[in-house]
N, C-alpha and C. Protein backbone atom coordinates (compact mmCIF):
# COMPACT_ATOMS: atom_id res chain seq x y z
N MET A 1 -226.07 30.23 10.99
CA MET A 1 -225.21 31.28 10.56
C MET A 1 -224.66 32.00 11.82
N LYS A 2 -223.43 32.43 11.65
CA LYS A 2 -222.79 33.12 12.80
C LYS A 2 -222.48 34.58 12.43
N LYS A 3 -222.20 35.37 13.44
CA LYS A 3 -221.79 36.71 13.18
C LYS A 3 -220.28 36.79 13.12
N TYR A 4 -219.76 37.53 12.16
CA TYR A 4 -218.31 37.61 11.97
C TYR A 4 -217.89 39.08 11.88
N GLU A 5 -216.61 39.34 12.18
CA GLU A 5 -216.00 40.62 11.89
C GLU A 5 -214.78 40.35 11.01
N GLY A 6 -214.77 41.01 9.88
CA GLY A 6 -213.65 40.84 8.96
C GLY A 6 -212.83 42.13 8.95
N ALA A 7 -211.54 41.96 9.00
CA ALA A 7 -210.55 43.07 8.95
C ALA A 7 -209.77 42.87 7.64
N PHE A 8 -209.76 43.93 6.80
CA PHE A 8 -209.09 43.80 5.54
C PHE A 8 -208.18 44.99 5.36
N ILE A 9 -206.93 44.72 4.95
CA ILE A 9 -205.96 45.80 4.63
C ILE A 9 -205.70 45.69 3.13
N LEU A 10 -206.03 46.71 2.47
CA LEU A 10 -205.79 46.81 0.98
C LEU A 10 -204.57 47.63 0.66
N VAL A 11 -204.03 47.44 -0.45
CA VAL A 11 -202.86 48.22 -0.93
C VAL A 11 -203.27 49.71 -0.90
N SER A 12 -202.41 50.58 -0.41
CA SER A 12 -202.84 51.98 -0.18
C SER A 12 -202.85 52.78 -1.49
N ASN A 13 -202.14 52.38 -2.50
CA ASN A 13 -202.13 53.19 -3.75
C ASN A 13 -203.09 52.76 -4.78
N LEU A 14 -204.13 52.03 -4.38
CA LEU A 14 -205.16 51.62 -5.31
C LEU A 14 -206.06 52.81 -5.66
N GLU A 15 -206.51 52.86 -6.91
CA GLU A 15 -207.48 53.92 -7.25
C GLU A 15 -208.79 53.67 -6.52
N GLU A 16 -209.52 54.71 -6.27
CA GLU A 16 -210.71 54.61 -5.49
C GLU A 16 -211.75 53.67 -6.05
N ASP A 17 -211.92 53.62 -7.38
CA ASP A 17 -212.90 52.71 -7.98
C ASP A 17 -212.52 51.24 -7.86
N VAL A 18 -211.20 51.00 -7.92
CA VAL A 18 -210.66 49.58 -7.79
C VAL A 18 -210.83 49.19 -6.34
N ARG A 19 -210.54 50.06 -5.37
CA ARG A 19 -210.68 49.74 -3.95
C ARG A 19 -212.17 49.47 -3.65
N ASN A 20 -213.07 50.31 -4.12
CA ASN A 20 -214.48 50.11 -3.87
C ASN A 20 -214.98 48.81 -4.53
N ALA A 21 -214.45 48.42 -5.67
CA ALA A 21 -214.77 47.16 -6.33
C ALA A 21 -214.37 45.98 -5.46
N GLU A 22 -213.21 46.04 -4.86
CA GLU A 22 -212.78 44.98 -3.98
C GLU A 22 -213.65 44.83 -2.77
N ILE A 23 -214.04 45.94 -2.21
CA ILE A 23 -214.92 45.94 -1.03
C ILE A 23 -216.31 45.34 -1.45
N GLU A 24 -216.77 45.75 -2.58
CA GLU A 24 -218.04 45.26 -3.10
C GLU A 24 -217.99 43.77 -3.35
N LYS A 25 -216.83 43.31 -3.86
CA LYS A 25 -216.70 41.89 -4.13
C LYS A 25 -216.89 41.11 -2.90
N VAL A 26 -216.31 41.56 -1.74
CA VAL A 26 -216.43 40.85 -0.50
C VAL A 26 -217.89 40.86 -0.02
N LYS A 27 -218.52 42.04 -0.13
CA LYS A 27 -219.91 42.16 0.28
C LYS A 27 -220.84 41.30 -0.63
N ASN A 28 -220.54 41.20 -1.87
CA ASN A 28 -221.38 40.35 -2.79
C ASN A 28 -221.23 38.87 -2.44
N ILE A 29 -220.06 38.45 -2.07
CA ILE A 29 -219.87 37.02 -1.67
C ILE A 29 -220.76 36.74 -0.50
N ILE A 30 -220.83 37.64 0.45
CA ILE A 30 -221.65 37.44 1.66
C ILE A 30 -223.17 37.38 1.27
N THR A 31 -223.61 38.31 0.50
CA THR A 31 -225.05 38.33 0.17
C THR A 31 -225.47 37.27 -0.79
N GLU A 32 -224.59 36.83 -1.69
CA GLU A 32 -224.89 35.75 -2.60
C GLU A 32 -225.09 34.41 -1.87
N ARG A 33 -224.49 34.28 -0.73
CA ARG A 33 -224.59 33.07 0.07
C ARG A 33 -225.55 33.20 1.22
N LYS A 34 -226.53 34.06 1.01
CA LYS A 34 -227.67 34.25 2.01
C LYS A 34 -227.23 34.87 3.30
N GLY A 35 -226.12 35.63 3.33
CA GLY A 35 -225.68 36.33 4.49
C GLY A 35 -226.11 37.75 4.43
N THR A 36 -225.82 38.48 5.48
CA THR A 36 -226.19 39.90 5.59
C THR A 36 -224.95 40.72 6.02
N VAL A 37 -224.74 41.86 5.40
CA VAL A 37 -223.71 42.80 5.81
C VAL A 37 -224.34 43.78 6.70
N GLU A 38 -223.84 43.82 7.96
CA GLU A 38 -224.47 44.70 8.94
C GLU A 38 -223.82 46.07 9.04
N LYS A 39 -222.47 46.15 8.87
CA LYS A 39 -221.80 47.40 8.97
C LYS A 39 -220.49 47.36 8.20
N VAL A 40 -220.15 48.38 7.48
CA VAL A 40 -218.88 48.56 6.83
C VAL A 40 -218.21 49.81 7.41
N ASN A 41 -217.05 49.63 7.98
CA ASN A 41 -216.34 50.70 8.63
C ASN A 41 -214.98 50.89 7.99
N GLU A 42 -214.86 51.97 7.15
CA GLU A 42 -213.65 52.23 6.45
C GLU A 42 -212.83 53.21 7.26
N TRP A 43 -211.70 52.73 7.76
CA TRP A 43 -210.79 53.56 8.54
C TRP A 43 -209.92 54.43 7.59
N GLY A 44 -209.77 53.98 6.42
CA GLY A 44 -208.94 54.72 5.47
C GLY A 44 -207.49 54.34 5.48
N GLN A 45 -206.66 55.16 4.94
CA GLN A 45 -205.24 54.92 4.82
C GLN A 45 -204.54 55.14 6.19
N ARG A 46 -203.82 54.13 6.62
CA ARG A 46 -203.07 54.21 7.93
C ARG A 46 -201.71 53.64 7.71
N ARG A 47 -200.84 53.94 8.59
CA ARG A 47 -199.47 53.36 8.58
C ARG A 47 -199.53 51.99 9.21
N LEU A 48 -198.84 51.02 8.58
CA LEU A 48 -198.81 49.68 9.12
C LEU A 48 -197.90 49.62 10.32
N ALA A 49 -198.16 48.69 11.22
CA ALA A 49 -197.31 48.54 12.42
C ALA A 49 -195.92 48.08 12.06
N TYR A 50 -195.78 47.32 10.96
CA TYR A 50 -194.52 46.90 10.47
C TYR A 50 -194.61 46.72 8.93
N GLU A 51 -193.53 46.76 8.28
CA GLU A 51 -193.50 46.69 6.83
C GLU A 51 -193.92 45.33 6.37
N ILE A 52 -194.86 45.26 5.37
CA ILE A 52 -195.32 44.02 4.78
C ILE A 52 -195.10 44.09 3.27
N ASP A 53 -194.28 43.20 2.74
CA ASP A 53 -194.02 43.20 1.30
C ASP A 53 -193.55 44.56 0.78
N LYS A 54 -192.66 45.21 1.54
CA LYS A 54 -192.12 46.47 1.21
C LYS A 54 -193.10 47.59 1.21
N LYS A 55 -194.25 47.42 1.88
CA LYS A 55 -195.28 48.45 1.94
C LYS A 55 -195.40 48.90 3.39
N ARG A 56 -195.49 50.25 3.55
CA ARG A 56 -195.54 50.87 4.88
C ARG A 56 -196.91 51.35 5.25
N GLU A 57 -197.88 51.43 4.23
CA GLU A 57 -199.15 51.92 4.53
C GLU A 57 -200.19 51.02 3.87
N GLY A 58 -201.38 51.03 4.42
CA GLY A 58 -202.48 50.22 3.88
C GLY A 58 -203.77 50.93 4.11
N TYR A 59 -204.82 50.46 3.41
CA TYR A 59 -206.18 51.04 3.52
C TYR A 59 -206.96 50.00 4.33
N TYR A 60 -207.48 50.40 5.48
CA TYR A 60 -208.13 49.54 6.43
C TYR A 60 -209.67 49.59 6.27
N VAL A 61 -210.28 48.36 6.21
CA VAL A 61 -211.73 48.24 6.14
C VAL A 61 -212.17 47.14 7.06
N PHE A 62 -213.19 47.42 7.80
CA PHE A 62 -213.76 46.42 8.73
C PHE A 62 -215.23 46.18 8.38
N ILE A 63 -215.60 44.91 8.24
CA ILE A 63 -216.96 44.53 7.83
C ILE A 63 -217.55 43.56 8.90
N ASP A 64 -218.68 43.99 9.47
CA ASP A 64 -219.43 43.11 10.36
C ASP A 64 -220.52 42.45 9.52
N PHE A 65 -220.61 41.14 9.61
CA PHE A 65 -221.62 40.39 8.78
C PHE A 65 -222.03 39.13 9.46
N THR A 66 -223.15 38.63 8.93
CA THR A 66 -223.70 37.29 9.33
C THR A 66 -223.64 36.42 8.12
N ALA A 67 -223.05 35.23 8.25
CA ALA A 67 -222.99 34.36 7.11
C ALA A 67 -222.63 32.96 7.54
N GLY A 68 -222.67 32.02 6.59
CA GLY A 68 -222.28 30.67 6.88
C GLY A 68 -220.82 30.44 6.56
N LYS A 69 -220.34 29.26 6.84
CA LYS A 69 -218.92 28.92 6.72
C LYS A 69 -218.48 29.00 5.25
N ASP A 70 -219.35 28.68 4.29
CA ASP A 70 -219.01 28.70 2.87
C ASP A 70 -218.65 30.15 2.46
N ALA A 71 -219.33 31.16 2.94
CA ALA A 71 -219.00 32.54 2.58
C ALA A 71 -217.66 32.91 3.14
N VAL A 72 -217.36 32.51 4.37
CA VAL A 72 -216.10 32.85 4.93
C VAL A 72 -214.95 32.19 4.22
N ASP A 73 -215.13 30.92 3.83
CA ASP A 73 -214.13 30.21 3.04
C ASP A 73 -213.88 30.89 1.70
N GLU A 74 -214.95 31.31 1.05
CA GLU A 74 -214.77 31.98 -0.26
C GLU A 74 -214.06 33.30 -0.12
N ILE A 75 -214.44 34.09 0.91
CA ILE A 75 -213.76 35.39 1.17
C ILE A 75 -212.23 35.14 1.42
N ASN A 76 -211.92 34.14 2.21
CA ASN A 76 -210.54 33.81 2.49
C ASN A 76 -209.80 33.44 1.20
N ARG A 77 -210.41 32.64 0.31
CA ARG A 77 -209.84 32.23 -0.95
C ARG A 77 -209.58 33.42 -1.84
N ILE A 78 -210.57 34.33 -1.99
CA ILE A 78 -210.45 35.47 -2.87
C ILE A 78 -209.31 36.40 -2.36
N CYS A 79 -209.25 36.65 -1.05
CA CYS A 79 -208.27 37.55 -0.50
C CYS A 79 -206.87 36.99 -0.66
N LYS A 80 -206.71 35.68 -0.55
CA LYS A 80 -205.41 35.08 -0.75
C LYS A 80 -204.83 35.17 -2.11
N ILE A 81 -205.75 35.10 -3.12
CA ILE A 81 -205.23 35.13 -4.52
C ILE A 81 -205.17 36.52 -5.10
N SER A 82 -205.80 37.47 -4.47
CA SER A 82 -205.83 38.85 -4.96
C SER A 82 -204.52 39.61 -4.51
N ASP A 83 -203.93 40.37 -5.45
CA ASP A 83 -202.81 41.20 -5.11
C ASP A 83 -203.19 42.48 -4.43
N ASN A 84 -204.46 42.80 -4.39
CA ASN A 84 -204.93 44.09 -3.84
C ASN A 84 -205.06 44.05 -2.32
N PHE A 85 -205.11 42.82 -1.75
CA PHE A 85 -205.26 42.68 -0.32
C PHE A 85 -203.85 42.36 0.27
N ILE A 86 -203.41 43.19 1.22
CA ILE A 86 -202.14 42.92 1.90
C ILE A 86 -202.33 41.89 3.01
N ARG A 87 -203.36 42.04 3.80
CA ARG A 87 -203.72 41.09 4.86
C ARG A 87 -205.22 41.06 5.08
N HIS A 88 -205.75 39.99 5.62
CA HIS A 88 -207.13 39.93 6.03
C HIS A 88 -207.28 38.98 7.15
N MET A 89 -208.31 39.15 7.94
CA MET A 89 -208.61 38.24 9.04
C MET A 89 -210.13 38.31 9.33
N ILE A 90 -210.70 37.12 9.49
CA ILE A 90 -212.11 37.03 9.78
C ILE A 90 -212.26 36.24 11.11
N VAL A 91 -212.91 36.84 12.08
CA VAL A 91 -213.10 36.15 13.34
C VAL A 91 -214.58 36.13 13.74
N VAL A 92 -215.00 35.16 14.49
CA VAL A 92 -216.35 35.05 15.01
C VAL A 92 -216.56 36.17 16.05
N ASP A 93 -217.63 36.95 15.85
CA ASP A 93 -217.98 37.98 16.81
C ASP A 93 -218.82 37.42 17.91
N GLU A 94 -218.19 37.13 19.06
CA GLU A 94 -218.90 36.48 20.18
C GLU A 94 -219.48 37.51 21.15
N SER A 95 -219.24 38.81 20.89
CA SER A 95 -219.76 39.86 21.79
C SER A 95 -221.26 40.08 21.64
N LYS A 96 -221.82 39.66 20.50
CA LYS A 96 -223.20 39.99 20.21
C LYS A 96 -224.12 38.77 20.39
């Protein structure tokens, strides 16, 4: 298992319970596949650097976790098909 950092930008006008459900969904994918969530850092609503799909703001969430490749693949799949995620990126955390 490797350490990863995931950056997720959610639609800014989501209700709080829907937004929390999406974050929980990502965390559940990690834990169901024997990974661990080390830190969740919610930056909150921020202005995007450039307009994406006619949206100027997004809700930023960063998750540090340890997991296998299957968990990363499933998170990527879920984020691609969900309309609640504007963008996401998961990178290997080599600093630790």
